[in-house]
Amino acid sequence: MVRFKRLLDSGLEPEIYFTKYVHIMKGLQATSHRFRAFLGLIITITIVGFLASMYKVVAAELAGIDTFMTVELVVSSLLFLLFA
């Protein structure tokens, strides 16, 4: 508010600054909505991928396929990626 008072005291047109402020705020709101949509999309893709992989594991287990080696491969690959 002090800065705005200084602008008025110096004789500058406050309407110009107000319209720039409104323009910036609208741009930030649009960016915020896009970011929320992006996060929602990423979370949805992650959940669908997790459910699909769980379906494959359950289907393999019901079919009698040994999933121990698959899990061991995944864990070792994950550890390699984390500590390599």
N, C-alpha and C. Protein backbone atom coordinates (compact mmCIF):
# COMPACT_ATOMS: atom_id res chain seq x y z
N MET A 1 0.82 -1.19 0.00
CA MET A 1 0.00 0.00 0.00
C MET A 1 0.87 1.26 0.00
N VAL A 2 2.02 1.17 0.66
CA VAL A 2 2.92 2.31 0.70
C VAL A 2 3.44 2.62 -0.69
N ARG A 3 3.75 1.57 -1.45
CA ARG A 3 4.23 1.78 -2.82
C ARG A 3 3.15 2.43 -3.69
N PHE A 4 1.93 1.99 -3.49
CA PHE A 4 0.83 2.56 -4.26
C PHE A 4 0.66 4.04 -3.92
N LYS A 5 0.82 4.39 -2.64
CA LYS A 5 0.73 5.79 -2.22
C LYS A 5 1.86 6.60 -2.86
N ARG A 6 3.06 6.02 -2.93
CA ARG A 6 4.18 6.72 -3.58
C ARG A 6 3.89 6.97 -5.05
N LEU A 7 3.26 6.00 -5.71
CA LEU A 7 2.91 6.18 -7.12
C LEU A 7 1.93 7.33 -7.28
N LEU A 8 0.96 7.40 -6.39
CA LEU A 8 -0.02 8.49 -6.47
C LEU A 8 0.64 9.83 -6.18
N ASP A 9 1.55 9.85 -5.20
CA ASP A 9 2.22 11.09 -4.84
C ASP A 9 3.14 11.58 -5.96
N SER A 10 3.73 10.65 -6.71
CA SER A 10 4.65 11.06 -7.77
C SER A 10 3.91 11.48 -9.03
N GLY A 11 2.61 11.29 -9.07
CA GLY A 11 1.83 11.75 -10.21
C GLY A 11 1.67 10.72 -11.31
N LEU A 12 2.10 9.50 -11.07
CA LEU A 12 1.94 8.45 -12.09
C LEU A 12 0.49 7.98 -12.13
N GLU A 13 0.11 7.48 -13.26
CA GLU A 13 -1.27 7.02 -13.46
C GLU A 13 -1.45 5.64 -12.81
N PRO A 14 -2.25 5.52 -11.76
CA PRO A 14 -2.41 4.23 -11.07
C PRO A 14 -3.19 3.20 -11.89
N GLU A 15 -3.98 3.65 -12.84
CA GLU A 15 -4.79 2.72 -13.64
C GLU A 15 -3.91 1.79 -14.47
N ILE A 16 -2.79 2.31 -14.95
CA ILE A 16 -1.87 1.49 -15.74
C ILE A 16 -1.34 0.35 -14.90
N TYR A 17 -0.92 0.65 -13.68
CA TYR A 17 -0.37 -0.38 -12.80
C TYR A 17 -1.44 -1.37 -12.35
N PHE A 18 -2.65 -0.87 -12.15
CA PHE A 18 -3.73 -1.76 -11.75
C PHE A 18 -4.08 -2.73 -12.86
N THR A 19 -4.13 -2.24 -14.10
CA THR A 19 -4.45 -3.15 -15.22
C THR A 19 -3.33 -4.17 -15.41
N LYS A 20 -2.07 -3.77 -15.21
CA LYS A 20 -0.97 -4.73 -15.29
C LYS A 20 -1.08 -5.77 -14.18
N TYR A 21 -1.45 -5.32 -12.99
CA TYR A 21 -1.64 -6.23 -11.86
C TYR A 21 -2.75 -7.24 -12.16
N VAL A 22 -3.87 -6.78 -12.69
CA VAL A 22 -4.98 -7.67 -13.03
C VAL A 22 -4.57 -8.65 -14.11
N HIS A 23 -3.82 -8.20 -15.10
CA HIS A 23 -3.35 -9.07 -16.18
C HIS A 23 -2.43 -10.17 -15.62
N ILE A 24 -1.53 -9.80 -14.73
CA ILE A 24 -0.62 -10.79 -14.13
C ILE A 24 -1.40 -11.79 -13.29
N MET A 25 -2.37 -11.33 -12.52
CA MET A 25 -3.16 -12.24 -11.68
C MET A 25 -3.97 -13.23 -12.52
N LYS A 26 -4.53 -12.77 -13.64
CA LYS A 26 -5.27 -13.68 -14.52
C LYS A 26 -4.34 -14.73 -15.12
N GLY A 27 -3.13 -14.32 -15.49
CA GLY A 27 -2.16 -15.26 -16.03
C GLY A 27 -1.75 -16.30 -14.99
N LEU A 28 -1.58 -15.87 -13.74
CA LEU A 28 -1.24 -16.81 -12.68
C LEU A 28 -2.37 -17.80 -12.40
N GLN A 29 -3.60 -17.34 -12.48
CA GLN A 29 -4.74 -18.24 -12.27
C GLN A 29 -4.81 -19.28 -13.37
N ALA A 30 -4.57 -18.88 -14.62
CA ALA A 30 -4.59 -19.83 -15.73
C ALA A 30 -3.48 -20.86 -15.58
N THR A 31 -2.30 -20.40 -15.17
CA THR A 31 -1.18 -21.31 -14.95
C THR A 31 -1.48 -22.28 -13.82
N SER A 32 -2.11 -21.79 -12.79
CA SER A 32 -2.45 -22.63 -11.65
C SER A 32 -3.42 -23.73 -12.06
N HIS A 33 -4.42 -23.38 -12.87
CA HIS A 33 -5.38 -24.38 -13.32
C HIS A 33 -4.72 -25.41 -14.24
N ARG A 34 -3.83 -24.96 -15.09
CA ARG A 34 -3.12 -25.89 -15.97
C ARG A 34 -2.24 -26.84 -15.17
N PHE A 35 -1.58 -26.31 -14.14
CA PHE A 35 -0.73 -27.15 -13.32
C PHE A 35 -1.55 -28.18 -12.55
N ARG A 36 -2.71 -27.78 -12.05
CA ARG A 36 -3.59 -28.74 -11.36
C ARG A 36 -4.05 -29.83 -12.31
N ALA A 37 -4.39 -29.46 -13.54
CA ALA A 37 -4.80 -30.45 -14.52
C ALA A 37 -3.63 -31.40 -14.84
N PHE A 38 -2.43 -30.84 -14.94
CA PHE A 38 -1.24 -31.66 -15.19
C PHE A 38 -1.02 -32.65 -14.05
N LEU A 39 -1.12 -32.18 -12.81
CA LEU A 39 -0.95 -33.07 -11.67
C LEU A 39 -2.01 -34.16 -11.65
N GLY A 40 -3.25 -33.79 -11.94
CA GLY A 40 -4.33 -34.79 -11.99
C GLY A 40 -4.06 -35.84 -13.05
N LEU A 41 -3.59 -35.41 -14.20
CA LEU A 41 -3.29 -36.35 -15.28
C LEU A 41 -2.14 -37.29 -14.89
N ILE A 42 -1.10 -36.76 -14.30
CA ILE A 42 0.03 -37.58 -13.89
C ILE A 42 -0.38 -38.59 -12.82
N ILE A 43 -1.18 -38.16 -11.86
CA ILE A 43 -1.64 -39.07 -10.81
C ILE A 43 -2.52 -40.16 -11.40
N THR A 44 -3.39 -39.79 -12.33
CA THR A 44 -4.26 -40.78 -12.98
C THR A 44 -3.44 -41.80 -13.76
N ILE A 45 -2.45 -41.35 -14.51
CA ILE A 45 -1.60 -42.27 -15.28
C ILE A 45 -0.85 -43.20 -14.34
N THR A 46 -0.35 -42.67 -13.23
CA THR A 46 0.38 -43.49 -12.26
C THR A 46 -0.51 -44.56 -11.65
N ILE A 47 -1.72 -44.19 -11.27
CA ILE A 47 -2.64 -45.15 -10.66
C ILE A 47 -3.05 -46.22 -11.66
N VAL A 48 -3.33 -45.82 -12.89
CA VAL A 48 -3.71 -46.81 -13.91
C VAL A 48 -2.56 -47.77 -14.19
N GLY A 49 -1.34 -47.26 -14.26
CA GLY A 49 -0.18 -48.13 -14.47
C GLY A 49 0.02 -49.09 -13.32
N PHE A 50 -0.16 -48.61 -12.09
CA PHE A 50 -0.02 -49.47 -10.92
C PHE A 50 -1.08 -50.56 -10.92
N LEU A 51 -2.32 -50.19 -11.21
CA LEU A 51 -3.40 -51.19 -11.23
C LEU A 51 -3.19 -52.21 -12.35
N ALA A 52 -2.69 -51.77 -13.49
CA ALA A 52 -2.42 -52.71 -14.58
C ALA A 52 -1.32 -53.69 -14.21
N SER A 53 -0.27 -53.19 -13.56
CA SER A 53 0.80 -54.10 -13.16
C SER A 53 0.33 -55.06 -12.06
N MET A 54 -0.50 -54.58 -11.16
CA MET A 54 -1.04 -55.47 -10.13
C MET A 54 -1.94 -56.54 -10.75
N TYR A 55 -2.70 -56.16 -11.78
CA TYR A 55 -3.55 -57.13 -12.47
C TYR A 55 -2.69 -58.22 -13.11
N LYS A 56 -1.57 -57.81 -13.72
CA LYS A 56 -0.69 -58.79 -14.34
C LYS A 56 -0.10 -59.74 -13.31
N VAL A 57 0.29 -59.21 -12.16
CA VAL A 57 0.87 -60.05 -11.12
C VAL A 57 -0.17 -61.03 -10.58
N VAL A 58 -1.38 -60.54 -10.34
CA VAL A 58 -2.44 -61.42 -9.82
C VAL A 58 -2.82 -62.47 -10.86
N ALA A 59 -2.91 -62.07 -12.13
CA ALA A 59 -3.24 -63.04 -13.18
C ALA A 59 -2.15 -64.09 -13.31
N ALA A 60 -0.89 -63.70 -13.20
CA ALA A 60 0.20 -64.66 -13.27
C ALA A 60 0.18 -65.59 -12.07
N GLU A 61 -0.15 -65.07 -10.92
CA GLU A 61 -0.21 -65.90 -9.71
C GLU A 61 -1.35 -66.91 -9.81
N LEU A 62 -2.48 -66.48 -10.36
CA LEU A 62 -3.62 -67.40 -10.52
C LEU A 62 -3.33 -68.46 -11.58
N ALA A 63 -2.50 -68.11 -12.55
CA ALA A 63 -2.16 -69.07 -13.60
C ALA A 63 -1.09 -70.06 -13.15
N GLY A 64 -0.55 -69.83 -11.97
CA GLY A 64 0.46 -70.75 -11.44
C GLY A 64 1.88 -70.41 -11.82
N ILE A 65 2.10 -69.24 -12.39
CA ILE A 65 3.45 -68.82 -12.78
C ILE A 65 4.15 -68.28 -11.53
N ASP A 66 5.40 -68.68 -11.35
CA ASP A 66 6.15 -68.22 -10.18
C ASP A 66 6.55 -66.76 -10.39
N THR A 67 6.06 -65.89 -9.54
CA THR A 67 6.35 -64.47 -9.68
C THR A 67 7.53 -64.03 -8.82
N PHE A 68 8.14 -64.94 -8.09
CA PHE A 68 9.26 -64.57 -7.22
C PHE A 68 10.43 -64.03 -8.03
N MET A 69 10.74 -64.66 -9.15
CA MET A 69 11.86 -64.19 -9.97
C MET A 69 11.56 -62.83 -10.58
N THR A 70 10.31 -62.59 -10.94
CA THR A 70 9.94 -61.30 -11.51
C THR A 70 10.09 -60.19 -10.48
N VAL A 71 9.63 -60.46 -9.27
CA VAL A 71 9.76 -59.46 -8.20
C VAL A 71 11.22 -59.22 -7.87
N GLU A 72 12.00 -60.28 -7.84
CA GLU A 72 13.42 -60.14 -7.56
C GLU A 72 14.10 -59.30 -8.64
N LEU A 73 13.73 -59.49 -9.88
CA LEU A 73 14.30 -58.71 -10.97
C LEU A 73 13.93 -57.24 -10.84
N VAL A 74 12.69 -56.97 -10.48
CA VAL A 74 12.25 -55.58 -10.33
C VAL A 74 13.00 -54.91 -9.19
N VAL A 75 13.13 -55.58 -8.07
CA VAL A 75 13.82 -55.00 -6.91
C VAL A 75 15.29 -54.77 -7.23
N SER A 76 15.93 -55.70 -7.87
CA SER A 76 17.34 -55.51 -8.20
C SER A 76 17.52 -54.39 -9.22
N SER A 77 16.61 -54.26 -10.17
CA SER A 77 16.69 -53.16 -11.14
C SER A 77 16.49 -51.82 -10.45
N LEU A 78 15.56 -51.78 -9.52
CA LEU A 78 15.30 -50.55 -8.78
C LEU A 78 16.51 -50.16 -7.95
N LEU A 79 17.10 -51.12 -7.27
CA LEU A 79 18.29 -50.83 -6.47
C LEU A 79 19.45 -50.39 -7.35
N PHE A 80 19.57 -50.98 -8.52
CA PHE A 80 20.63 -50.58 -9.44
C PHE A 80 20.43 -49.13 -9.90
N LEU A 81 19.17 -48.76 -10.19
CA LEU A 81 18.90 -47.40 -10.63
C LEU A 81 19.13 -46.38 -9.51
N LEU A 82 18.79 -46.77 -8.29
CA LEU A 82 18.95 -45.84 -7.18
C LEU A 82 20.39 -45.62 -6.77
N PHE A 83 21.19 -46.68 -6.79
CA PHE A 83 22.54 -46.59 -6.26
C PHE A 83 23.63 -46.65 -7.32
N ALA A 84 23.26 -46.60 -8.59
CA ALA A 84 24.27 -46.66 -9.65
C ALA A 84 24.89 -45.30 -9.90
